[in-house]
């Protein structure tokens, strides 16, 4: 274990919430517990096998000034936008959308029953890129990079590079993110370097972890912020699956207005005006 391994500083369980047309979820970042973790603006977890919890989906809504990352672990969502783009996100796939200057889109379930589960993460864009042309990076489960560990673990790499050089397909030069989905057998370890200046969190999908040299405990469905160091060291106390997410903070002013994230209140007011006048 690297002596520079990060320590578990904060544990957050999130709050029950709903979004879209009544989709039930847990809001972890973007909640009263944790407003933001620069550059992460929001982190939502949705998981239900009850259609009434998700069938309404996320009808058409606008975004400006940041990126949305939708990662599904079960089920299917159909995405459409006002620029004519359409596609289906399936289990194991990711859509990394750069909203930029503005887009209106919907994400609707492609199923009437069964399990729908996944995560939505919002990443801020730097001021110089907030009004860029919208863009997508979409990858199916077969496009995601895999690393199979000698201890029986598996790492699905969406963004960033593992210590062994396995690179995820997402390209982002704004905050150089790491986004990994890791599965470990009970008693096994995982280690990953992160940039010293990054903000980094771990979310436990299932199982229980010990983190760092102090072996601080992080449990099922908890998010842990890890700080102070150049690496993350994890031991699986049970058979465990977790997300490791890290990125460079922007250290810029943040002004929010619902689905818009800019640097000033005036820019938020302009975003509402542009949307209302069909300039997206």
Protein backbone atom coordinates (compact mmCIF):
# COMPACT_ATOMS: atom_id res chain seq x y z
CA UNK A 1 0.00 0.00 0.00
CA UNK A 2 1.26 3.45 -0.96
CA UNK A 3 1.99 5.62 2.09
CA UNK A 4 0.30 8.43 0.17
CA UNK A 5 -3.03 6.60 0.14
CA UNK A 6 -6.03 8.85 0.71
CA UNK A 7 -8.05 8.85 3.90
CA UNK A 8 -11.82 8.52 4.15
CA UNK A 9 -12.92 11.96 5.36
CA UNK A 10 -16.68 12.12 4.85
CA UNK A 11 -19.48 9.55 4.51
CA UNK A 12 -22.77 10.55 2.86
CA UNK A 13 -25.90 8.44 2.42
CA UNK A 14 -27.93 10.93 0.36
CA UNK A 15 -31.61 11.71 0.56
CA UNK A 16 -34.68 10.21 -1.15
CA UNK A 17 -35.78 12.39 -4.06
CA UNK A 18 -37.63 12.30 -7.34
CA UNK A 19 -36.92 13.89 -10.69
CA UNK A 20 -38.33 13.91 -14.18
CA UNK A 21 -41.86 12.50 -14.18
CA UNK A 22 -41.73 11.05 -10.67
CA UNK A 23 -38.64 8.86 -11.02
CA UNK A 24 -37.59 7.77 -7.53
CA UNK A 25 -33.89 8.14 -6.76
CA UNK A 26 -31.34 8.91 -4.08
CA UNK A 27 -29.60 12.27 -4.44
CA UNK A 28 -26.14 12.19 -2.93
CA UNK A 29 -24.29 15.14 -4.47
CA UNK A 30 -26.51 18.17 -5.01
CA UNK A 31 -28.28 17.51 -1.70
CA UNK A 32 -28.34 19.41 1.61
CA UNK A 33 -25.69 16.94 2.85
CA UNK A 34 -23.30 17.79 0.00
CA UNK A 35 -24.12 20.65 -2.33
CA UNK A 36 -21.20 19.97 -4.70
CA UNK A 37 -17.73 18.48 -4.82
CA UNK A 38 -16.00 20.59 -7.48
CA UNK A 39 -16.30 19.78 -10.40
CA UNK A 40 -19.10 17.32 -9.47
CA UNK A 41 -22.44 19.13 -9.31
CA UNK A 42 -24.83 16.21 -8.83
CA UNK A 43 -24.77 12.46 -8.28
CA UNK A 44 -28.05 10.54 -8.40
CA UNK A 45 -28.59 6.82 -7.86
CA UNK A 46 -31.71 5.12 -9.23
CA UNK A 47 -32.55 1.46 -8.68
CA UNK A 48 -35.96 -0.17 -8.70
CA UNK A 49 -37.71 -3.23 -10.11
CA UNK A 50 -41.07 -1.50 -9.62
CA UNK A 51 -42.17 0.14 -12.88
CA UNK A 52 -44.14 2.84 -11.04
CA UNK A 53 -40.84 4.13 -9.65
CA UNK A 54 -39.33 4.86 -13.07
CA UNK A 55 -41.84 4.48 -15.91
CA UNK A 56 -42.45 8.25 -16.19
CA UNK A 57 -38.82 8.73 -17.14
CA UNK A 58 -37.23 12.09 -17.79
CA UNK A 59 -39.34 13.91 -20.42
CA UNK A 60 -37.84 16.75 -22.47
CA UNK A 61 -35.83 19.20 -20.39
CA UNK A 62 -32.98 21.65 -21.09
CA UNK A 63 -29.35 21.82 -19.96
CA UNK A 64 -26.61 24.41 -20.38
CA UNK A 65 -23.08 24.82 -19.06
CA UNK A 66 -22.05 21.34 -17.89
CA UNK A 67 -21.86 17.64 -18.76
CA UNK A 68 -24.25 14.83 -17.84
CA UNK A 69 -22.99 11.27 -17.46
CA UNK A 70 -25.58 8.47 -17.49
CA UNK A 71 -24.23 5.02 -16.60
CA UNK A 72 -26.70 2.12 -16.56
CA UNK A 73 -26.16 -1.12 -14.68
CA UNK A 74 -29.55 -2.65 -15.55
CA UNK A 75 -32.33 -1.81 -18.00
CA UNK A 76 -32.59 0.47 -21.05
CA UNK A 77 -33.16 4.20 -21.60
CA UNK A 78 -33.96 5.87 -24.92
CA UNK A 79 -32.43 9.27 -25.42
CA UNK A 80 -33.70 11.94 -27.84
CA UNK A 81 -32.79 15.61 -28.25
CA UNK A 82 -33.88 18.69 -30.18
CA UNK A 83 -30.94 18.38 -32.59
CA UNK A 84 -32.24 15.08 -33.98
CA UNK A 85 -29.91 12.84 -32.02
CA UNK A 86 -31.40 9.57 -30.71
CA UNK A 87 -30.04 6.42 -29.17
CA UNK A 88 -30.51 3.74 -26.52
CA UNK A 89 -28.39 3.40 -23.39
CA UNK A 90 -28.29 -0.25 -22.31
CA UNK A 91 -26.98 -2.04 -19.23
CA UNK A 92 -23.24 -1.54 -18.94
CA UNK A 93 -23.28 1.41 -21.33
CA UNK A 94 -22.58 5.07 -20.76
CA UNK A 95 -23.65 8.33 -22.34
CA UNK A 96 -21.33 11.27 -21.65
CA UNK A 97 -23.16 14.37 -22.90
CA UNK A 98 -21.60 17.81 -23.12
CA UNK A 99 -24.59 20.16 -22.98
CA UNK A 100 -22.48 23.22 -23.75
CA UNK A 101 -24.49 26.20 -24.97
CA UNK A 102 -27.75 24.35 -24.69
CA UNK A 103 -29.68 21.23 -25.52
CA UNK A 104 -33.19 19.92 -24.85
CA UNK A 105 -33.35 16.17 -24.35
CA UNK A 106 -35.35 13.32 -22.86
CA UNK A 107 -34.37 9.99 -21.31
CA UNK A 108 -37.24 7.50 -21.24
CA UNK A 109 -37.33 3.86 -20.10
CA UNK A 110 -37.33 1.28 -22.89
CA UNK A 111 -39.04 -1.24 -20.63
CA UNK A 112 -42.36 -1.66 -18.85
CA UNK A 113 -41.13 -3.97 -16.11
CA UNK A 114 -37.97 -5.36 -14.57
CA UNK A 115 -34.98 -3.70 -12.93
CA UNK A 116 -33.79 -0.25 -13.96
CA UNK A 117 -30.65 0.89 -12.19
CA UNK A 118 -27.87 3.34 -12.80
CA UNK A 119 -26.26 6.65 -12.01
CA UNK A 120 -26.35 10.19 -13.26
CA UNK A 121 -23.37 12.42 -12.61
CA UNK A 122 -23.09 16.11 -13.53
CA UNK A 123 -19.65 17.57 -14.19
CA UNK A 124 -19.09 21.29 -14.46
CA UNK A 125 -17.50 22.83 -17.54
CA UNK A 126 -14.90 25.61 -17.33
CA UNK A 127 -16.14 29.12 -18.15
CA UNK A 128 -14.34 29.07 -21.51
CA UNK A 129 -16.23 25.93 -22.62
CA UNK A 130 -19.74 26.55 -21.25
CA UNK A 131 -21.02 27.89 -24.58
CA UNK A 132 -19.37 25.31 -26.80
CA UNK A 133 -21.32 23.22 -29.30
CA UNK A 134 -23.12 20.28 -27.60
CA UNK A 135 -21.53 16.87 -28.12
CA UNK A 136 -21.89 13.21 -27.14
CA UNK A 137 -19.63 10.33 -26.26
CA UNK A 138 -21.68 7.13 -26.20
CA UNK A 139 -20.30 3.68 -25.49
CA UNK A 140 -22.02 0.31 -25.18
CA UNK A 141 -20.95 -2.27 -22.64
CA UNK A 142 -18.67 -3.90 -25.23
CA UNK A 143 -16.89 -0.56 -25.80
CA UNK A 144 -15.97 -0.13 -22.13
CA UNK A 145 -12.37 -1.12 -21.29
CA UNK A 146 -11.86 -4.02 -18.86
CA UNK A 147 -8.99 -4.97 -16.61
CA UNK A 148 -9.08 -8.38 -14.94
CA UNK A 149 -7.04 -8.42 -11.73
CA UNK A 150 -4.91 -11.35 -10.58
CA UNK A 151 -6.91 -11.47 -7.32
CA UNK A 152 -10.16 -12.16 -9.20
CA UNK A 153 -11.31 -8.56 -9.31
CA UNK A 154 -12.55 -6.71 -12.38
CA UNK A 155 -12.27 -3.04 -13.30
CA UNK A 156 -14.56 -1.48 -15.92
CA UNK A 157 -12.82 1.69 -17.06
CA UNK A 158 -15.11 4.40 -18.44
CA UNK A 159 -12.65 7.29 -18.10
CA UNK A 160 -9.04 7.58 -16.99
CA UNK A 161 -6.26 5.00 -16.82
CA UNK A 162 -5.66 2.15 -14.39
CA UNK A 163 -2.25 1.74 -12.76
CA UNK A 164 -1.58 -0.93 -15.39
CA UNK A 165 -2.35 1.43 -18.28
CA UNK A 166 -5.85 0.28 -19.26
CA UNK A 167 -7.55 3.39 -20.66
CA UNK A 168 -11.25 4.20 -20.69
CA UNK A 169 -12.92 5.40 -23.93
CA UNK A 170 -14.16 8.78 -22.65
CA UNK A 171 -12.02 11.79 -23.55
CA UNK A 172 -12.27 14.86 -21.32
CA UNK A 173 -9.45 17.38 -21.15
CA UNK A 174 -11.38 19.87 -19.01
CA UNK A 175 -11.09 18.05 -15.66
CA UNK A 176 -9.28 14.79 -16.63
CA UNK A 177 -11.81 12.49 -14.93
CA UNK A 178 -11.43 8.97 -13.64
CA UNK A 179 -14.62 6.88 -13.68
CA UNK A 180 -14.25 3.19 -12.82
CA UNK A 181 -16.65 0.40 -11.82
CA UNK A 182 -14.76 -2.12 -9.69
CA UNK A 183 -15.76 -5.59 -8.46
CA UNK A 184 -13.66 -7.33 -5.78
CA UNK A 185 -13.95 -10.73 -4.09
CA UNK A 186 -14.08 -10.72 -0.29
CA UNK A 187 -10.71 -9.97 1.29
CA UNK A 188 -9.08 -8.69 -1.90
CA UNK A 189 -7.54 -5.29 -2.53
CA UNK A 190 -7.56 -2.58 -5.19
CA UNK A 191 -5.16 0.33 -5.61
CA UNK A 192 -5.41 3.28 -7.99
CA UNK A 193 -3.34 6.42 -8.40
CA UNK A 194 -5.19 9.75 -8.56
CA UNK A 195 -3.87 13.25 -9.10
CA UNK A 196 -3.04 14.95 -5.82
CA UNK A 197 -5.27 17.96 -6.58
CA UNK A 198 -8.30 15.88 -7.60
CA UNK A 199 -11.55 15.65 -5.70
CA UNK A 200 -12.30 11.94 -5.36
CA UNK A 201 -15.20 9.82 -4.15
CA UNK A 202 -16.11 6.16 -3.83
CA UNK A 203 -19.70 4.91 -4.02
CA UNK A 204 -20.45 1.38 -2.76
CA UNK A 205 -22.95 -0.31 -5.08
CA UNK A 206 -23.01 -3.36 -2.79
CA UNK A 207 -20.77 -4.81 -0.13
CA UNK A 208 -18.46 -3.11 2.36
CA UNK A 209 -14.98 -1.61 2.07
CA UNK A 210 -12.04 -0.64 4.24
CA UNK A 211 -10.21 2.40 2.88
CA UNK A 212 -6.64 3.59 3.34
CA UNK A 213 -4.10 2.64 5.97
CA UNK A 214 -6.59 3.45 8.75
CA UNK A 215 -9.01 0.89 7.24
CA UNK A 216 -11.98 3.26 7.66
CA UNK A 217 -15.25 1.51 6.84
CA UNK A 218 -17.58 2.45 3.98
CA UNK A 219 -20.81 0.50 3.69
CA UNK A 220 -23.51 -0.49 1.25
CA UNK A 221 -24.99 2.44 -0.72
CA UNK A 222 -22.72 5.00 0.96
CA UNK A 223 -20.57 7.60 -0.76
CA UNK A 224 -17.19 8.37 0.76
CA UNK A 225 -15.02 11.39 -0.01
CA UNK A 226 -11.33 10.44 0.14
CA UNK A 227 -8.70 13.15 0.58
CA UNK A 228 -5.01 13.89 1.08
CA UNK A 229 -2.86 11.67 -1.07
CA UNK A 230 -1.95 10.45 -4.52
CA UNK A 231 -3.71 7.11 -4.47
CA UNK A 232 -6.72 5.14 -3.30
CA UNK A 233 -6.32 1.81 -1.49
CA UNK A 234 -9.38 -0.38 -0.84
CA UNK A 235 -9.96 -3.75 0.83
CA UNK A 236 -13.24 -5.58 0.19
CA UNK A 237 -14.69 -6.73 3.52
CA UNK A 238 -17.37 -8.65 1.61
CA UNK A 239 -17.76 -9.40 -2.07
CA UNK A 240 -18.11 -5.79 -3.21
CA UNK A 241 -18.79 -3.56 -6.18
CA UNK A 242 -18.08 0.15 -6.14
CA UNK A 243 -17.52 3.22 -8.28
CA UNK A 244 -14.32 5.25 -8.08
CA UNK A 245 -14.74 8.77 -9.47
CA UNK A 246 -12.11 11.52 -9.47
CA UNK A 247 -11.50 14.79 -11.30
CA UNK A 248 -9.61 18.06 -11.16
CA UNK A 249 -11.56 20.92 -9.54
CA UNK A 250 -12.20 24.02 -11.65
CA UNK A 251 -12.07 26.50 -8.75
CA UNK A 252 -14.44 28.87 -10.55
CA UNK A 253 -17.59 30.65 -9.36
CA UNK A 254 -20.73 28.53 -9.73
CA UNK A 255 -24.19 29.95 -10.39
CA UNK A 256 -27.06 27.46 -10.61
CA UNK A 257 -30.56 27.77 -11.90
CA UNK A 258 -32.30 24.41 -12.16
CA UNK A 259 -30.96 22.73 -15.30
CA UNK A 260 -28.44 25.51 -16.01
CA UNK A 261 -25.00 25.92 -14.42
CA UNK A 262 -22.99 29.01 -15.27
CA UNK A 263 -20.54 31.36 -13.53
CA UNK A 264 -22.80 34.34 -12.82
CA UNK A 265 -26.45 35.01 -12.02
CA UNK A 266 -26.69 37.13 -15.19
CA UNK A 267 -25.65 34.13 -17.27
CA UNK A 268 -28.34 32.03 -15.60
CA UNK A 269 -30.99 34.64 -16.42
CA UNK A 270 -29.73 34.68 -20.00
CA UNK A 271 -30.00 30.89 -20.16
CA UNK A 272 -33.67 31.02 -19.09
CA UNK A 273 -34.36 33.76 -21.64
CA UNK A 274 -32.63 31.82 -24.42
CA UNK A 275 -34.55 28.66 -23.59
CA UNK A 276 -37.89 30.46 -23.43
CA UNK A 277 -37.18 32.03 -26.83
CA UNK A 278 -36.20 28.71 -28.47
CA UNK A 279 -32.53 29.61 -28.88
CA UNK A 280 -31.31 26.17 -27.77
